[in-house]
Amino acid sequence: MSKIVRLTTTDNPHDPVNDFGAWWDFDHMKGYNSSERLAAWLTSSADLPSEMQEEIQEEAIDEIVSLNLTGVDTKFVLEV
């Protein structure tokens, strides 16, 4: 079984995988800009295999959540 991991916030009622548009609108309305913060945090390369890119992304999400600068950062995990 694999998983999809995303950065989100505890107050966002929308699924960042299956309802991305509504999730994104809420995230930006609140000023969190989670996707942009994650992108700025990532140190990855398109030349890496996708599995490695996913691992790097999850590590970045874990670091952001551990710092919790917004006070509501959390990790969303969808088992697929």
N, C-alpha and C. Protein backbone atom coordinates (compact mmCIF):
# COMPACT_ATOMS: atom_id res chain seq x y z
N MET A 1 0.85 -1.18 0.00
CA MET A 1 0.00 0.00 0.00
C MET A 1 0.89 1.24 0.00
N SER A 2 0.52 2.22 -0.78
CA SER A 2 1.28 3.47 -0.80
C SER A 2 0.44 4.58 -0.19
N LYS A 3 1.03 5.76 -0.10
CA LYS A 3 0.33 6.87 0.52
C LYS A 3 0.62 8.16 -0.22
N ILE A 4 -0.30 9.10 -0.08
CA ILE A 4 -0.13 10.46 -0.58
C ILE A 4 -0.08 11.35 0.64
N VAL A 5 0.94 12.19 0.73
CA VAL A 5 1.14 13.06 1.88
C VAL A 5 1.09 14.51 1.43
N ARG A 6 0.34 15.32 2.16
CA ARG A 6 0.21 16.74 1.84
C ARG A 6 0.31 17.57 3.12
N LEU A 7 0.75 18.81 2.96
CA LEU A 7 0.72 19.77 4.05
C LEU A 7 -0.64 20.44 4.03
N THR A 8 -1.27 20.54 5.20
CA THR A 8 -2.56 21.21 5.30
C THR A 8 -2.64 21.89 6.66
N THR A 9 -3.82 22.34 7.01
CA THR A 9 -4.02 22.97 8.31
C THR A 9 -5.20 22.31 9.01
N THR A 10 -5.18 22.37 10.32
CA THR A 10 -6.20 21.69 11.11
C THR A 10 -7.60 22.27 10.89
N ASP A 11 -7.68 23.53 10.47
CA ASP A 11 -8.99 24.15 10.30
C ASP A 11 -9.53 24.06 8.87
N ASN A 12 -8.78 23.50 7.94
CA ASN A 12 -9.24 23.39 6.56
C ASN A 12 -10.14 22.16 6.44
N PRO A 13 -11.43 22.37 6.13
CA PRO A 13 -12.36 21.24 6.08
C PRO A 13 -12.29 20.43 4.79
N HIS A 14 -11.46 20.85 3.85
CA HIS A 14 -11.41 20.22 2.53
C HIS A 14 -10.23 19.26 2.39
N ASP A 15 -10.42 18.25 1.59
CA ASP A 15 -9.41 17.23 1.30
C ASP A 15 -8.43 17.79 0.26
N PRO A 16 -7.14 17.90 0.61
CA PRO A 16 -6.18 18.49 -0.33
C PRO A 16 -5.86 17.59 -1.53
N VAL A 17 -6.32 16.37 -1.53
CA VAL A 17 -6.09 15.47 -2.67
C VAL A 17 -7.33 15.40 -3.56
N ASN A 18 -8.47 15.08 -2.97
CA ASN A 18 -9.68 14.85 -3.75
C ASN A 18 -10.54 16.09 -3.97
N ASP A 19 -10.27 17.17 -3.25
CA ASP A 19 -11.02 18.41 -3.40
C ASP A 19 -10.05 19.59 -3.37
N PHE A 20 -9.01 19.49 -4.21
CA PHE A 20 -7.91 20.44 -4.15
C PHE A 20 -8.36 21.89 -4.35
N GLY A 21 -9.27 22.13 -5.30
CA GLY A 21 -9.71 23.51 -5.57
C GLY A 21 -10.29 24.19 -4.34
N ALA A 22 -11.22 23.51 -3.67
CA ALA A 22 -11.82 24.07 -2.46
C ALA A 22 -10.78 24.17 -1.35
N TRP A 23 -9.91 23.16 -1.26
CA TRP A 23 -8.84 23.18 -0.25
C TRP A 23 -7.94 24.40 -0.47
N TRP A 24 -7.52 24.60 -1.71
CA TRP A 24 -6.62 25.71 -2.07
C TRP A 24 -7.28 27.05 -1.78
N ASP A 25 -8.57 27.20 -2.17
CA ASP A 25 -9.29 28.46 -1.93
C ASP A 25 -9.32 28.79 -0.44
N PHE A 26 -9.66 27.80 0.39
CA PHE A 26 -9.70 28.01 1.84
C PHE A 26 -8.32 28.38 2.37
N ASP A 27 -7.32 27.63 1.94
CA ASP A 27 -5.94 27.84 2.39
C ASP A 27 -5.47 29.26 2.08
N HIS A 28 -5.77 29.75 0.88
CA HIS A 28 -5.34 31.09 0.51
C HIS A 28 -6.21 32.18 1.12
N MET A 29 -7.50 31.89 1.30
CA MET A 29 -8.38 32.86 1.95
C MET A 29 -7.87 33.15 3.37
N LYS A 30 -7.36 32.12 4.04
CA LYS A 30 -6.84 32.27 5.40
C LYS A 30 -5.41 32.82 5.42
N GLY A 31 -4.76 32.90 4.24
CA GLY A 31 -3.41 33.43 4.18
C GLY A 31 -2.31 32.44 4.53
N TYR A 32 -2.63 31.15 4.57
CA TYR A 32 -1.63 30.15 4.94
C TYR A 32 -0.64 29.88 3.81
N ASN A 33 -1.13 29.82 2.57
CA ASN A 33 -0.28 29.56 1.41
C ASN A 33 0.59 28.32 1.61
N SER A 34 -0.05 27.24 2.04
CA SER A 34 0.66 26.00 2.37
C SER A 34 1.46 25.45 1.21
N SER A 35 0.89 25.43 0.03
CA SER A 35 1.61 24.89 -1.14
C SER A 35 2.87 25.70 -1.43
N GLU A 36 2.75 27.01 -1.35
CA GLU A 36 3.90 27.87 -1.62
C GLU A 36 4.97 27.74 -0.54
N ARG A 37 4.53 27.62 0.73
CA ARG A 37 5.51 27.44 1.81
C ARG A 37 6.25 26.13 1.65
N LEU A 38 5.52 25.07 1.27
CA LEU A 38 6.16 23.78 1.06
C LEU A 38 7.14 23.86 -0.10
N ALA A 39 6.74 24.49 -1.19
CA ALA A 39 7.63 24.61 -2.35
C ALA A 39 8.91 25.36 -2.00
N ALA A 40 8.80 26.38 -1.16
CA ALA A 40 9.98 27.14 -0.76
C ALA A 40 10.89 26.31 0.15
N TRP A 41 10.32 25.37 0.87
CA TRP A 41 11.06 24.53 1.81
C TRP A 41 11.79 23.39 1.11
N LEU A 42 11.23 22.93 -0.01
CA LEU A 42 11.75 21.74 -0.69
C LEU A 42 13.13 21.97 -1.30
N THR A 43 13.96 20.98 -1.18
CA THR A 43 15.24 20.95 -1.86
C THR A 43 15.29 19.64 -2.63
N SER A 44 14.70 19.65 -3.81
CA SER A 44 14.58 18.44 -4.60
C SER A 44 14.97 18.75 -6.04
N SER A 45 14.94 17.75 -6.87
CA SER A 45 15.29 17.90 -8.27
C SER A 45 14.37 17.02 -9.11
N ALA A 46 13.96 17.53 -10.24
CA ALA A 46 13.12 16.75 -11.16
C ALA A 46 13.89 15.55 -11.71
N ASP A 47 15.20 15.56 -11.57
CA ASP A 47 16.02 14.45 -12.05
C ASP A 47 15.96 13.23 -11.13
N LEU A 48 15.45 13.41 -9.92
CA LEU A 48 15.36 12.30 -8.96
C LEU A 48 14.15 11.43 -9.28
N PRO A 49 14.22 10.16 -8.94
CA PRO A 49 13.06 9.28 -9.12
C PRO A 49 11.87 9.80 -8.29
N SER A 50 10.65 9.55 -8.76
CA SER A 50 9.46 10.08 -8.07
C SER A 50 9.37 9.59 -6.63
N GLU A 51 9.79 8.35 -6.36
CA GLU A 51 9.73 7.85 -4.99
C GLU A 51 10.62 8.67 -4.07
N MET A 52 11.78 9.07 -4.57
CA MET A 52 12.71 9.87 -3.76
C MET A 52 12.15 11.28 -3.58
N GLN A 53 11.53 11.83 -4.61
CA GLN A 53 10.92 13.15 -4.50
C GLN A 53 9.80 13.14 -3.45
N GLU A 54 9.02 12.06 -3.43
CA GLU A 54 7.95 11.94 -2.43
C GLU A 54 8.51 11.85 -1.02
N GLU A 55 9.60 11.14 -0.84
CA GLU A 55 10.24 11.05 0.47
C GLU A 55 10.75 12.41 0.92
N ILE A 56 11.37 13.15 0.01
CA ILE A 56 11.89 14.48 0.33
C ILE A 56 10.74 15.41 0.69
N GLN A 57 9.63 15.31 -0.05
CA GLN A 57 8.46 16.14 0.26
C GLN A 57 7.90 15.81 1.64
N GLU A 58 7.81 14.53 1.96
CA GLU A 58 7.28 14.16 3.28
C GLU A 58 8.20 14.65 4.39
N GLU A 59 9.50 14.57 4.20
CA GLU A 59 10.44 15.08 5.21
C GLU A 59 10.26 16.58 5.40
N ALA A 60 10.06 17.32 4.30
CA ALA A 60 9.84 18.77 4.40
C ALA A 60 8.54 19.05 5.14
N ILE A 61 7.49 18.30 4.84
CA ILE A 61 6.21 18.47 5.54
C ILE A 61 6.39 18.20 7.03
N ASP A 62 7.10 17.15 7.37
CA ASP A 62 7.35 16.83 8.78
C ASP A 62 8.08 17.97 9.48
N GLU A 63 9.04 18.58 8.81
CA GLU A 63 9.78 19.69 9.41
C GLU A 63 8.88 20.90 9.60
N ILE A 64 8.07 21.22 8.59
CA ILE A 64 7.15 22.36 8.69
C ILE A 64 6.16 22.13 9.83
N VAL A 65 5.61 20.93 9.92
CA VAL A 65 4.65 20.61 10.98
C VAL A 65 5.33 20.68 12.35
N SER A 66 6.57 20.25 12.45
CA SER A 66 7.25 20.30 13.75
C SER A 66 7.49 21.74 14.20
N LEU A 67 7.73 22.64 13.25
CA LEU A 67 7.89 24.06 13.60
C LEU A 67 6.55 24.73 13.84
N ASN A 68 5.54 24.34 13.06
CA ASN A 68 4.16 24.81 13.19
C ASN A 68 4.08 26.33 13.31
N LEU A 69 4.67 27.03 12.38
CA LEU A 69 4.73 28.49 12.42
C LEU A 69 3.36 29.15 12.34
N THR A 70 2.40 28.51 11.67
CA THR A 70 1.06 29.10 11.57
C THR A 70 0.21 28.74 12.79
N GLY A 71 0.64 27.77 13.56
CA GLY A 71 -0.13 27.32 14.71
C GLY A 71 -1.17 26.27 14.35
N VAL A 72 -1.35 26.00 13.06
CA VAL A 72 -2.37 25.03 12.63
C VAL A 72 -1.84 24.04 11.59
N ASP A 73 -0.54 24.05 11.33
CA ASP A 73 0.02 23.13 10.33
C ASP A 73 -0.17 21.69 10.76
N THR A 74 -0.51 20.85 9.80
CA THR A 74 -0.63 19.42 10.07
C THR A 74 -0.37 18.64 8.78
N LYS A 75 -0.17 17.36 8.94
CA LYS A 75 0.15 16.48 7.83
C LYS A 75 -1.09 15.67 7.46
N PHE A 76 -1.44 15.68 6.18
CA PHE A 76 -2.57 14.91 5.67
C PHE A 76 -2.01 13.67 4.98
N VAL A 77 -2.50 12.50 5.34
CA VAL A 77 -2.03 11.26 4.74
C VAL A 77 -3.24 10.50 4.19
N LEU A 78 -3.16 10.14 2.91
CA LEU A 78 -4.19 9.35 2.26
C LEU A 78 -3.57 8.03 1.82
N GLU A 79 -4.05 6.94 2.39
CA GLU A 79 -3.57 5.61 1.99
C GLU A 79 -4.25 5.23 0.69
N VAL A 80 -3.45 4.81 -0.29
CA VAL A 80 -4.02 4.40 -1.59
C VAL A 80 -3.59 3.00 -1.94
